[in-house]
Protein backbone atom coordinates (compact mmCIF):
# COMPACT_ATOMS: atom_id res chain seq x y z
CA MET A 1 -29.04 35.27 -2.31
CA THR A 2 -32.80 35.35 -2.62
CA LYS A 3 -33.75 38.95 -1.83
CA LYS A 4 -32.47 42.48 -1.85
CA ILE A 5 -31.28 43.48 1.60
CA ARG A 6 -30.09 46.67 3.23
CA LEU A 7 -26.37 46.49 3.79
CA GLU A 8 -24.40 48.81 6.05
CA LEU A 9 -20.78 49.45 5.19
CA LEU A 10 -19.20 50.54 8.47
CA ALA A 11 -15.83 52.30 8.35
CA PRO A 12 -13.32 53.42 11.00
CA ALA A 13 -12.79 57.09 11.80
CA GLY A 14 -9.59 58.05 13.61
CA SER A 15 -10.30 61.74 13.08
CA VAL A 16 -13.00 64.03 11.72
CA GLU A 17 -11.05 64.30 8.47
CA LYS A 18 -10.85 60.52 8.04
CA MET A 19 -14.56 60.29 8.77
CA LYS A 20 -15.28 62.66 5.89
CA TYR A 21 -13.13 60.57 3.53
CA ALA A 22 -14.93 57.40 4.60
CA PHE A 23 -18.31 58.95 3.83
CA ALA A 24 -17.11 60.43 0.54
CA TYR A 25 -15.96 57.02 -0.70
CA GLY A 26 -19.16 55.20 0.18
CA ALA A 27 -19.40 54.31 3.88
CA ASP A 28 -22.92 54.24 5.31
CA ALA A 29 -21.68 54.70 8.87
CA VAL A 30 -18.51 55.21 10.88
CA TYR A 31 -17.38 54.32 14.38
CA MET A 32 -15.23 56.59 16.55
CA GLY A 33 -14.61 57.64 20.15
CA ILE A 34 -12.49 59.82 22.41
CA PRO A 35 -9.22 58.37 23.80
CA ASP A 36 -10.47 58.10 27.41
CA PHE A 37 -13.00 55.35 26.71
CA SER A 38 -12.06 54.01 23.28
CA LEU A 39 -9.74 51.20 22.24
CA ARG A 40 -7.66 53.69 20.26
CA VAL A 41 -5.60 56.19 22.27
CA ARG A 42 -2.40 57.33 20.57
CA VAL A 43 -3.78 57.50 17.02
CA ASN A 44 -7.10 59.00 18.09
CA ARG A 45 -7.60 62.70 17.32
CA PHE A 46 -11.15 63.08 18.63
CA THR A 47 -11.93 65.63 21.34
CA MET A 48 -15.34 66.26 22.88
CA ASP A 49 -15.92 69.14 20.45
CA ASP A 50 -14.91 66.88 17.57
CA VAL A 51 -17.46 64.26 18.64
CA GLN A 52 -20.27 66.80 18.50
CA ASP A 53 -19.09 68.13 15.13
CA ALA A 54 -18.77 64.61 13.74
CA ILE A 55 -22.29 63.62 14.81
CA GLU A 56 -23.76 66.78 13.29
CA TYR A 57 -21.82 66.32 10.04
CA ALA A 58 -22.85 62.66 9.67
CA HIS A 59 -26.52 63.36 10.28
CA HIS A 60 -26.48 66.38 7.97
CA ILE A 61 -25.48 64.17 5.03
CA GLY A 62 -27.81 61.33 6.03
CA LYS A 63 -25.15 58.99 7.43
CA LYS A 64 -24.82 57.18 10.77
CA ILE A 65 -22.20 57.44 13.48
CA TYR A 66 -21.46 55.07 16.37
CA VAL A 67 -19.44 56.10 19.42
CA THR A 68 -17.11 53.55 20.99
CA VAL A 69 -17.08 53.28 24.80
CA ASN A 70 -15.51 49.86 24.69
CA ILE A 71 -12.56 49.83 27.09
CA VAL A 72 -12.22 47.18 29.79
CA ALA A 73 -13.00 49.70 32.52
CA HIS A 74 -11.49 50.01 36.00
CA ASN A 75 -12.99 51.86 38.95
CA GLY A 76 -11.20 55.09 38.02
CA HIS A 77 -12.90 55.19 34.63
CA LEU A 78 -16.39 55.03 36.12
CA GLU A 79 -16.16 58.46 37.74
CA LYS A 80 -15.64 60.16 34.36
CA LEU A 81 -18.40 58.31 32.52
CA PRO A 82 -21.65 59.95 33.76
CA PRO A 83 -20.96 63.43 32.31
CA TYR A 84 -19.66 61.92 29.07
CA LEU A 85 -22.68 59.64 28.60
CA THR A 86 -25.04 62.46 29.53
CA GLN A 87 -23.49 64.67 26.86
CA LEU A 88 -23.70 61.93 24.24
CA ASN A 89 -27.36 61.48 25.11
CA LEU A 90 -27.91 65.11 24.12
CA TRP A 91 -25.87 64.88 20.91
CA LYS A 92 -27.66 61.70 19.79
CA PRO A 93 -25.18 59.47 17.94
CA ASP A 94 -26.90 56.48 16.33
CA ALA A 95 -25.54 54.04 18.91
CA LEU A 96 -22.91 53.42 21.56
CA ILE A 97 -20.54 50.45 21.16
CA ILE A 98 -19.84 48.95 24.61
CA SER A 99 -18.24 45.75 25.90
CA ASP A 100 -18.31 46.19 29.70
CA PRO A 101 -21.60 45.15 31.43
CA GLY A 102 -21.11 47.85 34.05
CA ILE A 103 -20.83 50.55 31.40
CA ILE A 104 -23.92 49.16 29.67
CA VAL A 105 -25.86 49.62 32.93
CA MET A 106 -24.51 53.18 33.22
CA ALA A 107 -25.47 53.90 29.62
CA HIS A 108 -29.06 52.85 30.32
CA THR A 109 -29.06 55.38 33.18
CA TYR A 110 -27.18 58.35 31.70
CA ALA A 111 -27.90 57.89 27.99
CA PRO A 112 -31.37 56.31 27.94
CA ASN A 113 -32.22 57.66 24.50
CA LEU A 114 -29.32 55.91 22.75
CA SER A 115 -29.14 52.46 21.22
CA ILE A 116 -26.39 50.15 22.41
CA HIS A 117 -24.34 47.73 20.31
CA LEU A 118 -22.23 45.04 21.95
CA SER A 119 -18.54 45.44 21.12
CA THR A 120 -16.52 42.57 19.69
CA GLN A 121 -14.40 42.86 22.86
CA ALA A 122 -17.26 41.19 24.74
CA ASN A 123 -16.47 37.96 22.85
CA ALA A 124 -19.96 37.04 21.67
CA THR A 125 -19.42 33.76 19.85
CA ASN A 126 -22.67 31.81 20.36
CA TRP A 127 -26.41 32.34 20.00
CA GLN A 128 -27.21 32.09 23.71
CA THR A 129 -24.88 35.01 24.42
CA VAL A 130 -26.43 37.03 21.59
CA LYS A 131 -29.92 36.17 22.89
CA PHE A 132 -28.94 37.27 26.41
CA TRP A 133 -27.65 40.66 25.29
CA HIS A 134 -30.60 41.23 22.99
CA GLU A 135 -32.93 40.61 25.94
CA GLN A 136 -30.99 43.26 27.86
CA GLY A 137 -32.08 45.79 25.26
CA LEU A 138 -29.09 45.74 22.88
CA GLU A 139 -30.11 46.08 19.25
CA ARG A 140 -26.91 44.79 17.69
CA VAL A 141 -24.02 42.47 18.51
CA VAL A 142 -20.58 42.74 16.94
CA LEU A 143 -19.57 39.11 16.80
CA GLY A 144 -16.08 37.98 17.74
CA ARG A 145 -13.67 37.44 14.87
CA GLU A 146 -13.41 33.81 16.01
CA VAL A 147 -16.95 32.97 14.80
CA THR A 148 -17.28 30.81 11.68
CA LEU A 149 -19.70 31.27 8.79
CA GLY A 150 -21.76 28.31 9.97
CA GLU A 151 -21.99 29.76 13.46
CA ILE A 152 -23.11 33.13 12.10
CA LYS A 153 -25.95 31.39 10.26
CA GLU A 154 -27.05 29.57 13.40
CA ILE A 155 -26.90 32.71 15.54
CA HIS A 156 -29.06 34.58 13.03
CA LYS A 157 -31.53 31.69 12.85
CA LYS A 158 -31.83 31.44 16.64
CA VAL A 159 -31.97 35.20 17.32
CA PRO A 160 -33.27 36.78 14.08
CA ALA A 161 -34.40 40.01 15.77
CA CYS A 162 -30.86 40.95 16.80
CA GLU A 163 -28.72 42.70 14.19
CA ILE A 164 -25.34 41.10 13.43
CA GLU A 165 -22.22 43.13 12.76
CA TYR A 166 -19.03 41.40 11.60
CA PHE A 167 -15.47 42.44 10.77
CA ILE A 168 -14.71 41.86 7.10
CA HIS A 169 -11.38 43.59 6.52
CA GLY A 170 -8.27 44.61 8.42
CA ALA A 171 -5.90 43.46 11.12
CA MET A 172 -6.33 40.24 13.06
CA CYS A 173 -5.19 40.16 16.69
CA MET A 174 -2.95 37.24 17.63
CA SER A 175 -4.85 37.07 20.92
CA TYR A 176 -8.51 36.24 21.50
CA SER A 177 -10.52 39.22 20.20
CA GLY A 178 -7.91 41.64 21.44
CA ARG A 179 -7.65 40.31 25.00
CA CYS A 180 -3.89 40.50 25.03
CA MET A 181 -1.44 41.22 27.86
CA LEU A 182 1.71 41.25 25.72
CA SER A 183 1.78 45.02 25.19
CA ALA A 184 1.20 45.80 28.87
CA TRP A 185 3.90 43.33 29.88
CA LEU A 186 6.55 44.63 27.46
CA THR A 187 5.79 48.36 27.35
CA GLY A 188 3.33 49.19 30.11
CA ARG A 189 0.71 50.12 27.48
CA SER A 190 -2.53 48.19 27.89
CA ALA A 191 -4.24 46.84 24.79
CA ASN A 192 -7.47 46.56 26.76
CA LEU A 193 -7.42 50.29 27.49
CA GLY A 194 -6.82 51.22 23.86
CA ASP A 195 -3.05 51.72 24.04
CA CYS A 196 -1.63 48.61 22.36
CA ALA A 197 1.99 48.92 21.18
CA GLN A 198 1.40 45.98 18.79
CA PRO A 199 4.41 43.90 19.88
CA CYS A 200 2.96 41.02 17.85
CA ARG A 201 4.09 42.98 14.76
CA TRP A 202 7.63 43.53 16.01
CA ARG A 203 10.65 41.92 14.47
CA TYR A 204 12.28 39.57 16.98
CA LYS A 205 15.93 38.49 16.91
CA THR A 206 17.94 36.06 18.97
CA ASP A 207 21.29 37.64 18.20
CA LYS A 208 21.68 41.39 17.70
CA GLU A 209 25.33 41.30 16.72
CA LYS A 210 25.59 38.54 14.12
CA PHE A 211 23.50 37.33 11.24
CA ARG A 212 22.03 33.93 11.85
CA VAL A 213 19.54 31.78 10.03
CA ILE A 214 17.25 29.72 12.22
CA GLU A 215 14.97 27.04 10.87
CA ALA A 216 13.25 25.00 13.53
CA THR A 217 9.93 23.47 14.46
CA LEU A 218 8.05 23.34 17.72
CA GLU A 219 5.99 20.36 18.83
CA GLU A 220 3.47 20.48 21.66
CA PRO A 221 3.70 17.31 23.83
CA LEU A 222 -0.03 16.61 23.74
CA HIS A 223 -0.16 16.88 19.95
CA PRO A 224 2.65 14.72 18.57
CA GLY A 225 3.26 15.19 14.88
CA VAL A 226 1.78 18.69 14.78
CA GLU A 227 4.77 20.90 14.10
CA ILE A 228 4.87 24.71 14.10
CA PRO A 229 7.64 26.21 11.93
CA VAL A 230 9.86 28.89 13.47
CA GLU A 231 12.13 30.73 11.06
CA GLU A 232 14.50 33.64 11.38
CA ASP A 233 16.76 35.27 8.80
CA ARG A 234 18.70 38.53 8.61
CA HIS A 235 15.40 40.43 8.91
CA GLY A 236 14.33 38.69 12.12
CA THR A 237 11.20 36.64 12.73
CA TYR A 238 7.53 37.59 12.84
CA ILE A 239 6.19 34.57 14.70
CA PHE A 240 3.25 36.48 16.23
CA ASN A 241 2.33 38.38 13.07
CA SER A 242 -1.17 37.41 11.91
CA LYS A 243 -2.24 37.98 8.33
CA ASP A 244 -5.01 40.51 7.69
CA MET A 245 -8.65 39.67 7.15
CA CYS A 246 -10.03 40.08 3.65
CA PHE A 247 -13.55 38.75 3.08
CA ILE A 248 -14.52 40.67 -0.05
CA GLU A 249 -14.93 37.46 -2.05
CA TYR A 250 -17.39 36.13 0.53
CA VAL A 251 -19.76 39.08 0.79
CA PRO A 252 -22.69 37.06 -0.71
CA GLU A 253 -22.21 34.24 1.82
CA LEU A 254 -22.09 36.70 4.72
CA ILE A 255 -25.27 38.39 3.54
CA ASP A 256 -27.04 35.04 3.33
CA ALA A 257 -25.74 34.19 6.80
CA GLY A 258 -27.52 37.22 8.26
CA VAL A 259 -24.83 39.88 8.60
CA VAL A 260 -26.30 43.38 8.13
CA SER A 261 -23.32 45.57 9.11
CA PHE A 262 -19.94 44.93 7.50
CA LYS A 263 -17.13 46.44 9.54
CA ILE A 264 -13.71 47.57 8.36
CA GLU A 265 -10.84 47.72 10.87
CA GLY A 266 -8.30 50.54 10.78
CA ARG A 267 -8.76 53.75 12.76
CA ALA A 268 -4.97 54.14 12.68
CA LYS A 269 -4.74 53.80 8.90
CA SER A 270 -4.17 56.69 6.48
CA GLU A 271 -6.87 58.48 4.49
CA ALA A 272 -5.51 56.78 1.38
CA TYR A 273 -5.80 53.26 2.78
CA LEU A 274 -9.24 53.93 4.23
CA SER A 275 -10.59 55.45 1.01
CA ASN A 276 -9.30 52.58 -1.14
CA VAL A 277 -10.81 49.89 1.09
CA VAL A 278 -14.16 51.64 1.51
CA LYS A 279 -14.48 52.30 -2.22
CA ALA A 280 -13.64 48.66 -3.02
CA TYR A 281 -16.25 47.25 -0.65
CA ARG A 282 -18.85 49.83 -1.74
CA GLU A 283 -18.44 48.63 -5.31
CA ALA A 284 -18.60 45.02 -4.15
CA PHE A 285 -21.81 45.47 -2.16
CA ASP A 286 -23.58 47.43 -4.86
CA PHE A 287 -22.70 44.81 -7.46
CA VAL A 288 -23.78 41.87 -5.29
CA VAL A 289 -27.16 43.47 -4.51
CA GLN A 290 -27.84 44.17 -8.20
CA GLU A 291 -26.36 41.04 -9.78
CA LYS A 292 -28.03 37.73 -8.89
CA ASP A 293 -25.76 35.44 -10.95
CA VAL A 294 -23.36 33.78 -8.49
CA LYS A 295 -20.60 33.21 -11.06
CA LYS A 296 -20.66 36.86 -12.11
CA GLN A 297 -20.59 37.90 -8.46
CA LYS A 298 -17.51 35.82 -7.74
CA LYS A 299 -15.71 37.02 -10.84
CA LYS A 300 -16.36 40.67 -10.02
CA LEU A 301 -15.31 40.35 -6.37
CA LYS A 302 -12.04 38.67 -7.33
CA GLU A 303 -11.38 41.46 -9.83
CA ILE A 304 -11.90 44.15 -7.17
CA LYS A 305 -9.61 42.35 -4.74
CA LYS A 306 -6.85 41.99 -7.32
CA LYS A 307 -7.22 45.52 -8.69
CA VAL A 308 -7.41 47.38 -5.36
CA LEU A 309 -6.94 45.44 -2.14
CA ASP A 310 -3.98 43.29 -3.21
CA LYS A 311 -2.03 46.45 -4.10
CA LEU A 312 -2.41 48.04 -0.67
CA VAL A 313 0.15 47.57 2.08
CA HIS A 314 -1.02 44.58 4.11
CA ARG A 315 0.34 41.58 6.01
CA GLY A 316 -0.92 39.03 3.53
CA TYR A 317 -4.59 38.08 3.50
CA THR A 318 -6.44 35.33 5.30
CA THR A 319 -10.07 34.30 5.75
CA GLY A 320 -9.41 34.14 9.48
CA PHE A 321 -11.84 31.89 11.36
CA LEU A 322 -14.62 32.26 8.78
CA PHE A 323 -14.19 28.71 7.49
CA GLY A 324 -12.75 27.19 10.66
CA ARG A 325 -9.56 27.32 12.69
CA ASP A 326 -7.46 25.61 10.03
CA THR A 327 -7.69 28.67 7.76
CA VAL A 328 -6.13 31.10 10.26
CA GLU A 329 -2.65 32.07 9.11
CA GLN A 330 0.41 33.82 10.44
CA ASN A 331 2.83 35.82 8.30
CA THR A 332 6.18 34.77 9.73
CA GLU A 333 8.22 36.01 6.78
CA ASN A 334 7.78 39.79 6.94
CA SER A 335 5.86 42.59 8.60
CA HIS A 336 3.87 43.52 5.49
CA GLU A 337 3.32 42.97 1.78
CA GLY A 338 1.93 44.96 -1.16
CA GLY A 339 2.32 48.70 -1.47
CA GLU A 340 2.71 48.87 -5.25
CA GLU A 341 1.69 52.52 -5.23
CA LYS A 342 2.92 55.25 -2.90
CA TYR A 343 0.50 57.57 -1.16
CA ILE A 344 1.54 61.08 -2.19
CA GLY A 345 -1.07 63.40 -0.77
CA GLN A 346 -4.58 64.76 -0.41
CA VAL A 347 -6.37 67.03 -2.89
CA LEU A 348 -7.34 70.24 -1.09
CA GLY A 349 -8.77 72.16 -4.02
CA CYS A 350 -9.14 72.33 -7.79
CA VAL A 351 -9.78 75.63 -9.58
CA LYS A 352 -10.09 76.59 -13.23
CA ASN A 353 -6.81 77.86 -14.72
CA GLY A 354 -7.27 78.80 -18.37
CA LYS A 355 -7.98 75.65 -20.36
CA LYS A 356 -6.80 73.46 -17.49
CA TRP A 357 -7.37 73.04 -13.77
CA LYS A 358 -4.94 73.88 -10.97
CA LEU A 359 -4.76 71.21 -8.30
CA GLU A 360 -3.70 71.96 -4.72
CA VAL A 361 -2.23 68.97 -2.89
CA ARG A 362 -1.12 68.51 0.70
CA PRO A 363 1.92 66.22 0.28
CA HIS A 364 2.56 63.27 2.59
CA ASN A 365 5.50 61.79 0.69
CA ALA A 366 7.98 62.94 -1.94
CA ILE A 367 6.69 63.94 -5.37
CA ALA A 368 8.65 65.44 -8.28
CA VAL A 369 8.27 66.81 -11.79
CA GLY A 370 8.16 63.89 -14.21
CA ASP A 371 6.46 61.52 -11.75
CA LYS A 372 3.56 59.46 -13.02
CA VAL A 373 0.59 59.74 -10.68
CA ARG A 374 -2.92 58.37 -10.26
CA ILE A 375 -5.60 60.53 -8.69
CA MET A 376 -8.39 58.52 -7.07
CA GLN A 377 -11.80 60.20 -6.77
CA PRO A 378 -14.89 59.27 -4.74
CA THR A 379 -17.33 58.84 -7.66
CA GLN A 380 -15.46 59.60 -10.88
CA ALA A 381 -12.92 57.46 -12.72
CA ASP A 382 -9.26 57.67 -11.72
CA LEU A 383 -7.20 60.34 -13.44
CA LYS A 384 -3.70 59.40 -14.58
CA LEU A 385 -1.04 61.86 -15.70
CA THR A 386 2.65 62.80 -15.68
CA ILE A 387 3.48 65.93 -13.70
CA GLY A 388 4.85 68.56 -16.06
CA THR A 389 5.36 71.58 -13.82
CA MET A 390 4.95 72.17 -10.12
CA HIS A 391 4.62 75.29 -7.93
CA ASN A 392 4.59 76.12 -4.25
CA GLU A 393 2.07 78.36 -2.46
CA THR A 394 3.81 81.59 -3.57
CA GLY A 395 3.74 80.57 -7.24
CA GLU A 396 7.43 79.74 -7.36
CA SER A 397 8.38 76.91 -9.72
CA ILE A 398 9.73 73.87 -7.86
CA GLU A 399 11.13 70.53 -8.96
CA SER A 400 9.79 68.50 -6.02
CA GLY A 401 7.78 68.60 -2.82
CA HIS A 402 7.40 66.32 0.17
CA GLY A 403 5.54 65.85 3.40
CA GLY A 404 6.95 67.83 6.30
CA ALA A 405 8.13 70.72 4.13
CA GLY A 406 5.40 72.93 5.53
CA TYR A 407 3.76 73.97 2.27
CA ASN A 408 1.27 72.62 -0.25
CA ILE A 409 2.10 71.98 -3.90
CA PHE A 410 0.24 72.84 -7.11
CA PHE A 411 0.20 71.26 -10.55
CA GLU A 412 -2.11 71.26 -13.57
CA VAL A 413 -4.62 68.61 -14.66
CA ASN A 414 -6.88 68.41 -17.71
CA LYS A 415 -10.11 67.75 -15.78
CA LYS A 416 -11.64 68.98 -12.56
CA VAL A 417 -10.84 66.68 -9.66
CA GLU A 418 -13.47 65.89 -7.04
CA GLU A 419 -13.24 66.93 -3.40
CA PHE A 420 -11.49 64.26 -1.29
CA GLY A 421 -9.32 63.15 -4.21
CA ILE A 422 -6.13 61.26 -3.29
CA VAL A 423 -2.84 61.25 -5.24
CA PHE A 424 -0.71 58.13 -5.66
CA LYS A 425 2.69 57.77 -7.30
CA GLN A 426 2.68 54.90 -9.77
């Protein structure tokens, strides 16, 4: 890397609350949208009022926010779009993310003051396509996940004026950039309208009554000798289950290739997952920009991956198409890996209590007296402790608490904990 460059760490926001966590842990921008026109329906908590609040909040703290209008639209969707786009034009998000050419035309008409970014759903995988969309007035293109590092470099060289956004972490779709019919066929829920049931992650069995072990290979007639393993044990088979992207070790190469916005997938993920990933990549980017020694860069990025990302629940990691098709991997053995720590809850407040501090936590999973916990904070070092006593909201001493109980829990810590702290059970 030869020069210092502005990098944008772009995080998902499935709700206003998750957006705030993303910003607290280092995101420069977030992307979000309402269920009607976004590729996230069932896990999307944004209403029209939320969109306005989110835009105002982001701009108040000097951050950016992009609104997704990236469904594969049908005629019925078009009738609802003019008032929505007109309203967005007044609220002024930093850009709209769109894949459908018809919606892009409508955006030019009803939201003329807003920038437009081309969604990855539009499958931009070559420089001529990027050049075409840039000439139509689009400032940025989110490249398809199928693009290699070499292709990114060439696209940037051929169309240097167009900003490049690229997914660097999260789920990989087993279909081509999300253009999948499997969910609609099996459940009636369309992936291309934001309602994917993720049947590629399901566990498939050939015999529901008896345990069988299947070990077989498939061979395509036109490619003799190229065998695809198919395995099934008592847990089923995950033949469609792609590993997750994880490009943290290749941040320097992506910067040199011309990527300016680094996108994290996961609007359906928890606050804990989101905060961990954002904080890891924030540390990675800041280090790479400051440290010019390549060996030191690589060592640090591997350390961050091992310390943080490898411990999260994931499906195994892959470099996807970044270095060619041969590096794309499926996880046929299980639905997920990792998860060394358990997400316990969110810190809601921390007040002085004598010589100590009283922490209020909204529990998401079980926690008990005697548990060893780690409290992650946005800017300060992690705080580790063993819970000595615990109380409910009325001050009554309790031995345990858990998500769904309907009340928050309180316990003491030696130091003040930052807002947006997250508690993990070790």
